[in-house]
Amino acid sequence: MPNREEETKLAGRDENGNELAASIRRRVSDAPMLPADEMQKFAEFLPEANRIILEQTVKEAEFRRVETAKENSRIAQERKLGQIFGFLIGIAGVIGGSCVAISGSAGAGGTIASVSIGTLAVAFLSTAGSSPRK
């Protein structure tokens, strides 16, 4: 979300019929720091405001970095676990199909192995184009 300014206008009449109007403006920003003009206003009001704001901004940035690192670690762990389970499912399907083929039904064994591998391929291809986290 880029920096933008929002304005809300209110209008009405009082009990004597006089027109009343009010306008409320606010600045919306996702920047880590306040704009310079606002920092200057805070400094006029409270001389140590800029130091306090900078300290809090640094603390928030450090917290965000730690949280982002944790999130990235969890995502990597989920992906590794998914690969391991996918491998195990594929191996189980091939071994199961081989056992069925050895016990006398080669067509059914081949079908079981093919379907297990094909299902993994479809699952992979259906998620390859979409992001797991939005």
N, C-alpha and C. Protein backbone atom coordinates (compact mmCIF):
# COMPACT_ATOMS: atom_id res chain seq x y z
N MET A 1 0.85 -1.17 0.00
CA MET A 1 0.00 0.00 0.00
C MET A 1 0.90 1.23 0.00
N PRO A 2 0.81 2.03 -1.04
CA PRO A 2 1.63 3.23 -1.09
C PRO A 2 1.09 4.31 -0.16
N ASN A 3 1.87 5.37 -0.02
CA ASN A 3 1.41 6.51 0.77
C ASN A 3 0.22 7.14 0.08
N ARG A 4 -0.79 7.45 0.84
CA ARG A 4 -1.94 8.15 0.27
C ARG A 4 -2.62 8.95 1.36
N GLU A 5 -3.37 9.91 0.94
CA GLU A 5 -4.09 10.75 1.88
C GLU A 5 -5.58 10.53 1.69
N GLU A 6 -6.30 10.33 2.78
CA GLU A 6 -7.74 10.12 2.72
C GLU A 6 -8.43 11.32 3.34
N GLU A 7 -9.57 11.67 2.77
CA GLU A 7 -10.33 12.79 3.30
C GLU A 7 -11.78 12.38 3.42
N THR A 8 -12.37 12.65 4.57
CA THR A 8 -13.78 12.38 4.81
C THR A 8 -14.47 13.71 5.05
N LYS A 9 -15.54 13.96 4.30
CA LYS A 9 -16.27 15.21 4.46
C LYS A 9 -17.64 14.92 5.03
N LEU A 10 -18.01 15.70 6.02
CA LEU A 10 -19.32 15.59 6.66
C LEU A 10 -20.05 16.91 6.47
N ALA A 11 -21.33 16.85 6.20
CA ALA A 11 -22.12 18.07 6.04
C ALA A 11 -23.49 17.84 6.65
N GLY A 12 -24.08 18.90 7.11
CA GLY A 12 -25.40 18.81 7.71
C GLY A 12 -25.90 20.18 8.11
N ARG A 13 -27.00 20.19 8.83
CA ARG A 13 -27.59 21.44 9.30
C ARG A 13 -27.86 21.33 10.79
N ASP A 14 -27.70 22.44 11.49
CA ASP A 14 -28.01 22.46 12.91
C ASP A 14 -29.50 22.75 13.08
N GLU A 15 -29.93 22.85 14.35
CA GLU A 15 -31.36 23.04 14.62
C GLU A 15 -31.89 24.39 14.13
N ASN A 16 -31.03 25.37 13.86
CA ASN A 16 -31.45 26.67 13.34
C ASN A 16 -31.43 26.72 11.82
N GLY A 17 -31.05 25.63 11.17
CA GLY A 17 -31.03 25.59 9.72
C GLY A 17 -29.71 26.03 9.11
N ASN A 18 -28.73 26.35 9.93
CA ASN A 18 -27.42 26.75 9.40
C ASN A 18 -26.65 25.53 8.91
N GLU A 19 -25.95 25.73 7.82
CA GLU A 19 -25.16 24.62 7.28
C GLU A 19 -23.89 24.42 8.10
N LEU A 20 -23.59 23.16 8.35
CA LEU A 20 -22.37 22.78 9.07
C LEU A 20 -21.57 21.85 8.17
N ALA A 21 -20.27 21.98 8.22
CA ALA A 21 -19.41 21.10 7.43
C ALA A 21 -18.13 20.81 8.21
N ALA A 22 -17.64 19.62 8.02
CA ALA A 22 -16.38 19.22 8.65
C ALA A 22 -15.61 18.34 7.67
N SER A 23 -14.32 18.42 7.75
CA SER A 23 -13.47 17.63 6.89
C SER A 23 -12.37 17.00 7.75
N ILE A 24 -12.19 15.71 7.57
CA ILE A 24 -11.17 14.99 8.33
C ILE A 24 -10.19 14.40 7.34
N ARG A 25 -8.92 14.71 7.52
CA ARG A 25 -7.87 14.18 6.65
C ARG A 25 -6.94 13.30 7.47
N ARG A 26 -6.49 12.24 6.82
CA ARG A 26 -5.48 11.40 7.46
C ARG A 26 -4.58 10.83 6.38
N ARG A 27 -3.35 10.62 6.75
CA ARG A 27 -2.35 10.08 5.84
C ARG A 27 -2.15 8.62 6.19
N VAL A 28 -2.23 7.78 5.17
CA VAL A 28 -2.05 6.34 5.35
C VAL A 28 -0.76 5.94 4.65
N SER A 29 0.10 5.27 5.38
CA SER A 29 1.40 4.89 4.83
C SER A 29 1.83 3.55 5.41
N ASP A 30 2.54 2.79 4.59
CA ASP A 30 3.11 1.55 5.09
C ASP A 30 4.62 1.68 5.25
N ALA A 31 5.12 2.90 5.18
CA ALA A 31 6.55 3.14 5.34
C ALA A 31 6.96 2.90 6.79
N PRO A 32 8.20 2.47 7.02
CA PRO A 32 8.64 2.22 8.39
C PRO A 32 8.81 3.50 9.21
N MET A 33 8.99 4.62 8.54
CA MET A 33 9.17 5.90 9.24
C MET A 33 8.05 6.85 8.87
N LEU A 34 7.76 7.75 9.79
CA LEU A 34 6.79 8.80 9.52
C LEU A 34 7.38 9.80 8.53
N PRO A 35 6.53 10.48 7.78
CA PRO A 35 7.04 11.52 6.88
C PRO A 35 7.74 12.62 7.69
N ALA A 36 8.66 13.33 7.03
CA ALA A 36 9.49 14.33 7.71
C ALA A 36 8.66 15.45 8.34
N ASP A 37 7.60 15.89 7.65
CA ASP A 37 6.80 16.98 8.22
C ASP A 37 6.11 16.56 9.51
N GLU A 38 5.69 15.31 9.58
CA GLU A 38 5.07 14.83 10.82
C GLU A 38 6.10 14.67 11.93
N MET A 39 7.30 14.22 11.57
CA MET A 39 8.36 14.11 12.57
C MET A 39 8.68 15.49 13.15
N GLN A 40 8.68 16.51 12.29
CA GLN A 40 8.96 17.87 12.75
C GLN A 40 7.87 18.37 13.70
N LYS A 41 6.62 18.03 13.39
CA LYS A 41 5.51 18.43 14.28
C LYS A 41 5.66 17.76 15.64
N PHE A 42 6.02 16.49 15.65
CA PHE A 42 6.22 15.80 16.93
C PHE A 42 7.36 16.44 17.72
N ALA A 43 8.43 16.81 17.02
CA ALA A 43 9.58 17.42 17.68
C ALA A 43 9.21 18.77 18.30
N GLU A 44 8.33 19.51 17.66
CA GLU A 44 7.87 20.79 18.22
C GLU A 44 7.06 20.55 19.49
N PHE A 45 6.28 19.50 19.49
CA PHE A 45 5.42 19.19 20.63
C PHE A 45 6.22 18.59 21.78
N LEU A 46 7.09 17.66 21.45
CA LEU A 46 7.91 16.95 22.44
C LEU A 46 9.32 16.85 21.88
N PRO A 47 10.27 17.59 22.42
CA PRO A 47 11.62 17.64 21.84
C PRO A 47 12.29 16.28 21.66
N GLU A 48 12.04 15.33 22.51
CA GLU A 48 12.70 14.02 22.39
C GLU A 48 11.87 13.03 21.57
N ALA A 49 10.82 13.50 20.92
CA ALA A 49 9.93 12.61 20.16
C ALA A 49 10.66 11.87 19.05
N ASN A 50 11.53 12.56 18.33
CA ASN A 50 12.22 11.91 17.22
C ASN A 50 13.08 10.74 17.70
N ARG A 51 13.76 10.90 18.82
CA ARG A 51 14.57 9.81 19.37
C ARG A 51 13.69 8.63 19.74
N ILE A 52 12.55 8.92 20.38
CA ILE A 52 11.63 7.85 20.79
C ILE A 52 11.08 7.13 19.56
N ILE A 53 10.68 7.91 18.55
CA ILE A 53 10.12 7.31 17.34
C ILE A 53 11.18 6.46 16.63
N LEU A 54 12.39 6.93 16.54
CA LEU A 54 13.46 6.16 15.91
C LEU A 54 13.75 4.86 16.66
N GLU A 55 13.78 4.93 17.99
CA GLU A 55 14.01 3.71 18.79
C GLU A 55 12.91 2.69 18.56
N GLN A 56 11.67 3.16 18.55
CA GLN A 56 10.55 2.23 18.33
C GLN A 56 10.57 1.65 16.92
N THR A 57 10.96 2.46 15.96
CA THR A 57 11.04 1.98 14.58
C THR A 57 12.11 0.90 14.44
N VAL A 58 13.24 1.11 15.11
CA VAL A 58 14.32 0.10 15.08
C VAL A 58 13.85 -1.19 15.75
N LYS A 59 13.15 -1.07 16.88
CA LYS A 59 12.64 -2.26 17.57
C LYS A 59 11.64 -3.02 16.68
N GLU A 60 10.77 -2.26 16.03
CA GLU A 60 9.78 -2.90 15.15
C GLU A 60 10.45 -3.59 13.97
N ALA A 61 11.46 -2.95 13.39
CA ALA A 61 12.18 -3.55 12.26
C ALA A 61 12.87 -4.84 12.68
N GLU A 62 13.50 -4.84 13.86
CA GLU A 62 14.16 -6.05 14.36
C GLU A 62 13.14 -7.16 14.58
N PHE A 63 11.99 -6.80 15.15
CA PHE A 63 10.94 -7.79 15.39
C PHE A 63 10.46 -8.38 14.07
N ARG A 64 10.25 -7.52 13.06
CA ARG A 64 9.80 -8.00 11.75
C ARG A 64 10.83 -8.94 11.13
N ARG A 65 12.11 -8.61 11.25
CA ARG A 65 13.14 -9.48 10.69
C ARG A 65 13.14 -10.85 11.36
N VAL A 66 12.99 -10.87 12.67
CA VAL A 66 12.96 -12.14 13.40
C VAL A 66 11.73 -12.96 12.98
N GLU A 67 10.58 -12.30 12.89
CA GLU A 67 9.36 -13.01 12.49
C GLU A 67 9.45 -13.52 11.06
N THR A 68 10.04 -12.74 10.17
CA THR A 68 10.20 -13.17 8.79
C THR A 68 11.13 -14.38 8.71
N ALA A 69 12.19 -14.37 9.48
CA ALA A 69 13.11 -15.50 9.50
C ALA A 69 12.41 -16.76 10.02
N LYS A 70 11.59 -16.61 11.07
CA LYS A 70 10.84 -17.76 11.59
C LYS A 70 9.88 -18.29 10.54
N GLU A 71 9.17 -17.40 9.87
CA GLU A 71 8.21 -17.80 8.85
C GLU A 71 8.91 -18.52 7.70
N ASN A 72 10.03 -17.99 7.25
CA ASN A 72 10.78 -18.64 6.17
C ASN A 72 11.28 -20.01 6.59
N SER A 73 11.69 -20.14 7.85
CA SER A 73 12.15 -21.43 8.35
C SER A 73 11.00 -22.45 8.37
N ARG A 74 9.83 -21.99 8.81
CA ARG A 74 8.66 -22.89 8.83
C ARG A 74 8.26 -23.32 7.43
N ILE A 75 8.31 -22.39 6.48
CA ILE A 75 7.94 -22.73 5.10
C ILE A 75 8.92 -23.76 4.54
N ALA A 76 10.22 -23.55 4.77
CA ALA A 76 11.22 -24.51 4.28
C ALA A 76 11.01 -25.88 4.92
N GLN A 77 10.68 -25.89 6.20
CA GLN A 77 10.44 -27.16 6.90
C GLN A 77 9.21 -27.87 6.32
N GLU A 78 8.14 -27.11 6.04
CA GLU A 78 6.94 -27.71 5.45
C GLU A 78 7.25 -28.31 4.07
N ARG A 79 8.04 -27.59 3.29
CA ARG A 79 8.36 -28.08 1.95
C ARG A 79 9.20 -29.36 2.01
N LYS A 80 10.17 -29.40 2.90
CA LYS A 80 10.99 -30.60 3.04
C LYS A 80 10.14 -31.78 3.48
N LEU A 81 9.25 -31.53 4.45
CA LEU A 81 8.37 -32.59 4.93
C LEU A 81 7.46 -33.09 3.81
N GLY A 82 6.95 -32.17 3.00
CA GLY A 82 6.10 -32.55 1.87
C GLY A 82 6.85 -33.40 0.85
N GLN A 83 8.10 -33.05 0.60
CA GLN A 83 8.91 -33.84 -0.33
C GLN A 83 9.17 -35.25 0.23
N ILE A 84 9.44 -35.32 1.52
CA ILE A 84 9.69 -36.64 2.13
C ILE A 84 8.45 -37.51 2.04
N PHE A 85 7.29 -36.93 2.41
CA PHE A 85 6.06 -37.73 2.35
C PHE A 85 5.69 -38.09 0.92
N GLY A 86 5.93 -37.19 -0.03
CA GLY A 86 5.68 -37.50 -1.43
C GLY A 86 6.54 -38.67 -1.90
N PHE A 87 7.81 -38.63 -1.50
CA PHE A 87 8.71 -39.72 -1.85
C PHE A 87 8.23 -41.04 -1.25
N LEU A 88 7.84 -41.00 0.04
CA LEU A 88 7.36 -42.23 0.70
C LEU A 88 6.09 -42.77 0.05
N ILE A 89 5.18 -41.88 -0.33
CA ILE A 89 3.94 -42.32 -0.99
C ILE A 89 4.27 -42.96 -2.34
N GLY A 90 5.19 -42.34 -3.09
CA GLY A 90 5.59 -42.91 -4.38
C GLY A 90 6.23 -44.27 -4.24
N ILE A 91 7.13 -44.39 -3.27
CA ILE A 91 7.80 -45.68 -3.04
C ILE A 91 6.78 -46.74 -2.60
N ALA A 92 5.86 -46.34 -1.72
CA ALA A 92 4.83 -47.31 -1.27
C ALA A 92 3.97 -47.77 -2.43
N GLY A 93 3.63 -46.84 -3.34
CA GLY A 93 2.83 -47.24 -4.50
C GLY A 93 3.56 -48.18 -5.43
N VAL A 94 4.83 -47.90 -5.67
CA VAL A 94 5.63 -48.77 -6.55
C VAL A 94 5.83 -50.14 -5.91
N ILE A 95 6.14 -50.17 -4.61
CA ILE A 95 6.33 -51.46 -3.92
C ILE A 95 5.02 -52.24 -3.89
N GLY A 96 3.93 -51.53 -3.59
CA GLY A 96 2.63 -52.22 -3.57
C GLY A 96 2.26 -52.76 -4.94
N GLY A 97 2.49 -51.96 -5.99
CA GLY A 97 2.22 -52.45 -7.35
C GLY A 97 3.10 -53.62 -7.72
N SER A 98 4.36 -53.59 -7.27
CA SER A 98 5.27 -54.70 -7.55
C SER A 98 4.81 -55.98 -6.85
N CYS A 99 4.35 -55.83 -5.60
CA CYS A 99 3.87 -57.02 -4.87
C CYS A 99 2.65 -57.63 -5.55
N VAL A 100 1.75 -56.77 -6.02
CA VAL A 100 0.57 -57.29 -6.72
C VAL A 100 0.99 -57.96 -8.03
N ALA A 101 1.95 -57.36 -8.73
CA ALA A 101 2.42 -57.94 -9.99
C ALA A 101 3.10 -59.28 -9.77
N ILE A 102 3.89 -59.37 -8.69
CA ILE A 102 4.60 -60.63 -8.40
C ILE A 102 3.61 -61.73 -8.02
N SER A 103 2.52 -61.34 -7.33
CA SER A 103 1.57 -62.36 -6.89
C SER A 103 0.65 -62.83 -8.01
N GLY A 104 0.84 -62.35 -9.24
CA GLY A 104 0.11 -62.95 -10.35
C GLY A 104 -0.68 -62.00 -11.21
N SER A 105 -0.91 -60.80 -10.82
CA SER A 105 -1.72 -59.89 -11.63
C SER A 105 -0.84 -58.71 -12.07
N ALA A 106 -0.14 -58.93 -13.17
CA ALA A 106 0.81 -57.93 -13.64
C ALA A 106 0.11 -56.64 -14.06
N GLY A 107 -1.04 -56.74 -14.69
CA GLY A 107 -1.77 -55.55 -15.14
C GLY A 107 -2.22 -54.69 -13.97
N ALA A 108 -2.76 -55.35 -12.92
CA ALA A 108 -3.21 -54.60 -11.73
C ALA A 108 -2.03 -53.98 -11.01
N GLY A 109 -0.91 -54.69 -10.94
CA GLY A 109 0.28 -54.16 -10.29
C GLY A 109 0.81 -52.94 -11.01
N GLY A 110 0.87 -53.01 -12.33
CA GLY A 110 1.32 -51.87 -13.11
C GLY A 110 0.38 -50.68 -12.97
N THR A 111 -0.92 -50.96 -12.91
CA THR A 111 -1.91 -49.89 -12.76
C THR A 111 -1.76 -49.22 -11.40
N ILE A 112 -1.58 -50.00 -10.36
CA ILE A 112 -1.42 -49.44 -9.01
C ILE A 112 -0.19 -48.54 -8.95
N ALA A 113 0.94 -49.03 -9.48
CA ALA A 113 2.17 -48.23 -9.46
C ALA A 113 2.01 -46.96 -10.29
N SER A 114 1.41 -47.08 -11.46
CA SER A 114 1.21 -45.91 -12.34
C SER A 114 0.28 -44.88 -11.72
N VAL A 115 -0.79 -45.35 -11.12
CA VAL A 115 -1.75 -44.43 -10.50
C VAL A 115 -1.12 -43.71 -9.32
N SER A 116 -0.33 -44.40 -8.51
CA SER A 116 0.29 -43.74 -7.36
C SER A 116 1.28 -42.66 -7.81
N ILE A 117 2.09 -42.95 -8.81
CA ILE A 117 3.04 -41.95 -9.33
C ILE A 117 2.28 -40.84 -10.06
N GLY A 118 1.26 -41.20 -10.84
CA GLY A 118 0.47 -40.20 -11.57
C GLY A 118 -0.25 -39.24 -10.63
N THR A 119 -0.75 -39.76 -9.52
CA THR A 119 -1.43 -38.91 -8.54
C THR A 119 -0.47 -37.89 -7.94
N LEU A 120 0.75 -38.31 -7.65
CA LEU A 120 1.76 -37.37 -7.14
C LEU A 120 2.09 -36.31 -8.19
N ALA A 121 2.18 -36.73 -9.45
CA ALA A 121 2.48 -35.77 -10.51
C ALA A 121 1.37 -34.74 -10.65
N VAL A 122 0.12 -35.18 -10.59
CA VAL A 122 -1.02 -34.25 -10.69
C VAL A 122 -1.03 -33.31 -9.49
N ALA A 123 -0.76 -33.83 -8.30
CA ALA A 123 -0.72 -32.97 -7.11
C ALA A 123 0.38 -31.93 -7.23
N PHE A 124 1.53 -32.33 -7.75
CA PHE A 124 2.64 -31.39 -7.92
C PHE A 124 2.29 -30.34 -8.97
N LEU A 125 1.77 -30.76 -10.09
CA LEU A 125 1.47 -29.81 -11.17
C LEU A 125 0.33 -28.86 -10.80
N SER A 126 -0.61 -29.32 -10.01
CA SER A 126 -1.73 -28.43 -9.63
C SER A 126 -1.29 -27.37 -8.63
N THR A 127 -0.24 -27.62 -7.86
CA THR A 127 0.24 -26.62 -6.90
C THR A 127 1.45 -25.85 -7.39
N ALA A 128 2.04 -26.27 -8.51
CA ALA A 128 3.25 -25.61 -9.01
C ALA A 128 2.99 -24.18 -9.43
N GLY A 129 1.81 -23.89 -9.96
CA GLY A 129 1.52 -22.53 -10.43
C GLY A 129 0.98 -21.60 -9.37
N SER A 130 0.56 -22.14 -8.25
CA SER A 130 -0.01 -21.28 -7.20
C SER A 130 0.94 -21.17 -6.02
N SER A 131 0.92 -20.03 -5.39
CA SER A 131 1.78 -19.79 -4.23
C SER A 131 1.12 -20.37 -2.99
N PRO A 132 1.86 -21.09 -2.15
CA PRO A 132 1.26 -21.67 -0.94
C PRO A 132 0.89 -20.60 0.09
N ARG A 133 1.55 -19.43 0.07
CA ARG A 133 1.28 -18.36 1.01
C ARG A 133 0.88 -17.11 0.23
N LYS A 134 -0.25 -16.59 0.57
CA LYS A 134 -0.69 -15.35 -0.10
C LYS A 134 -0.94 -14.27 0.89
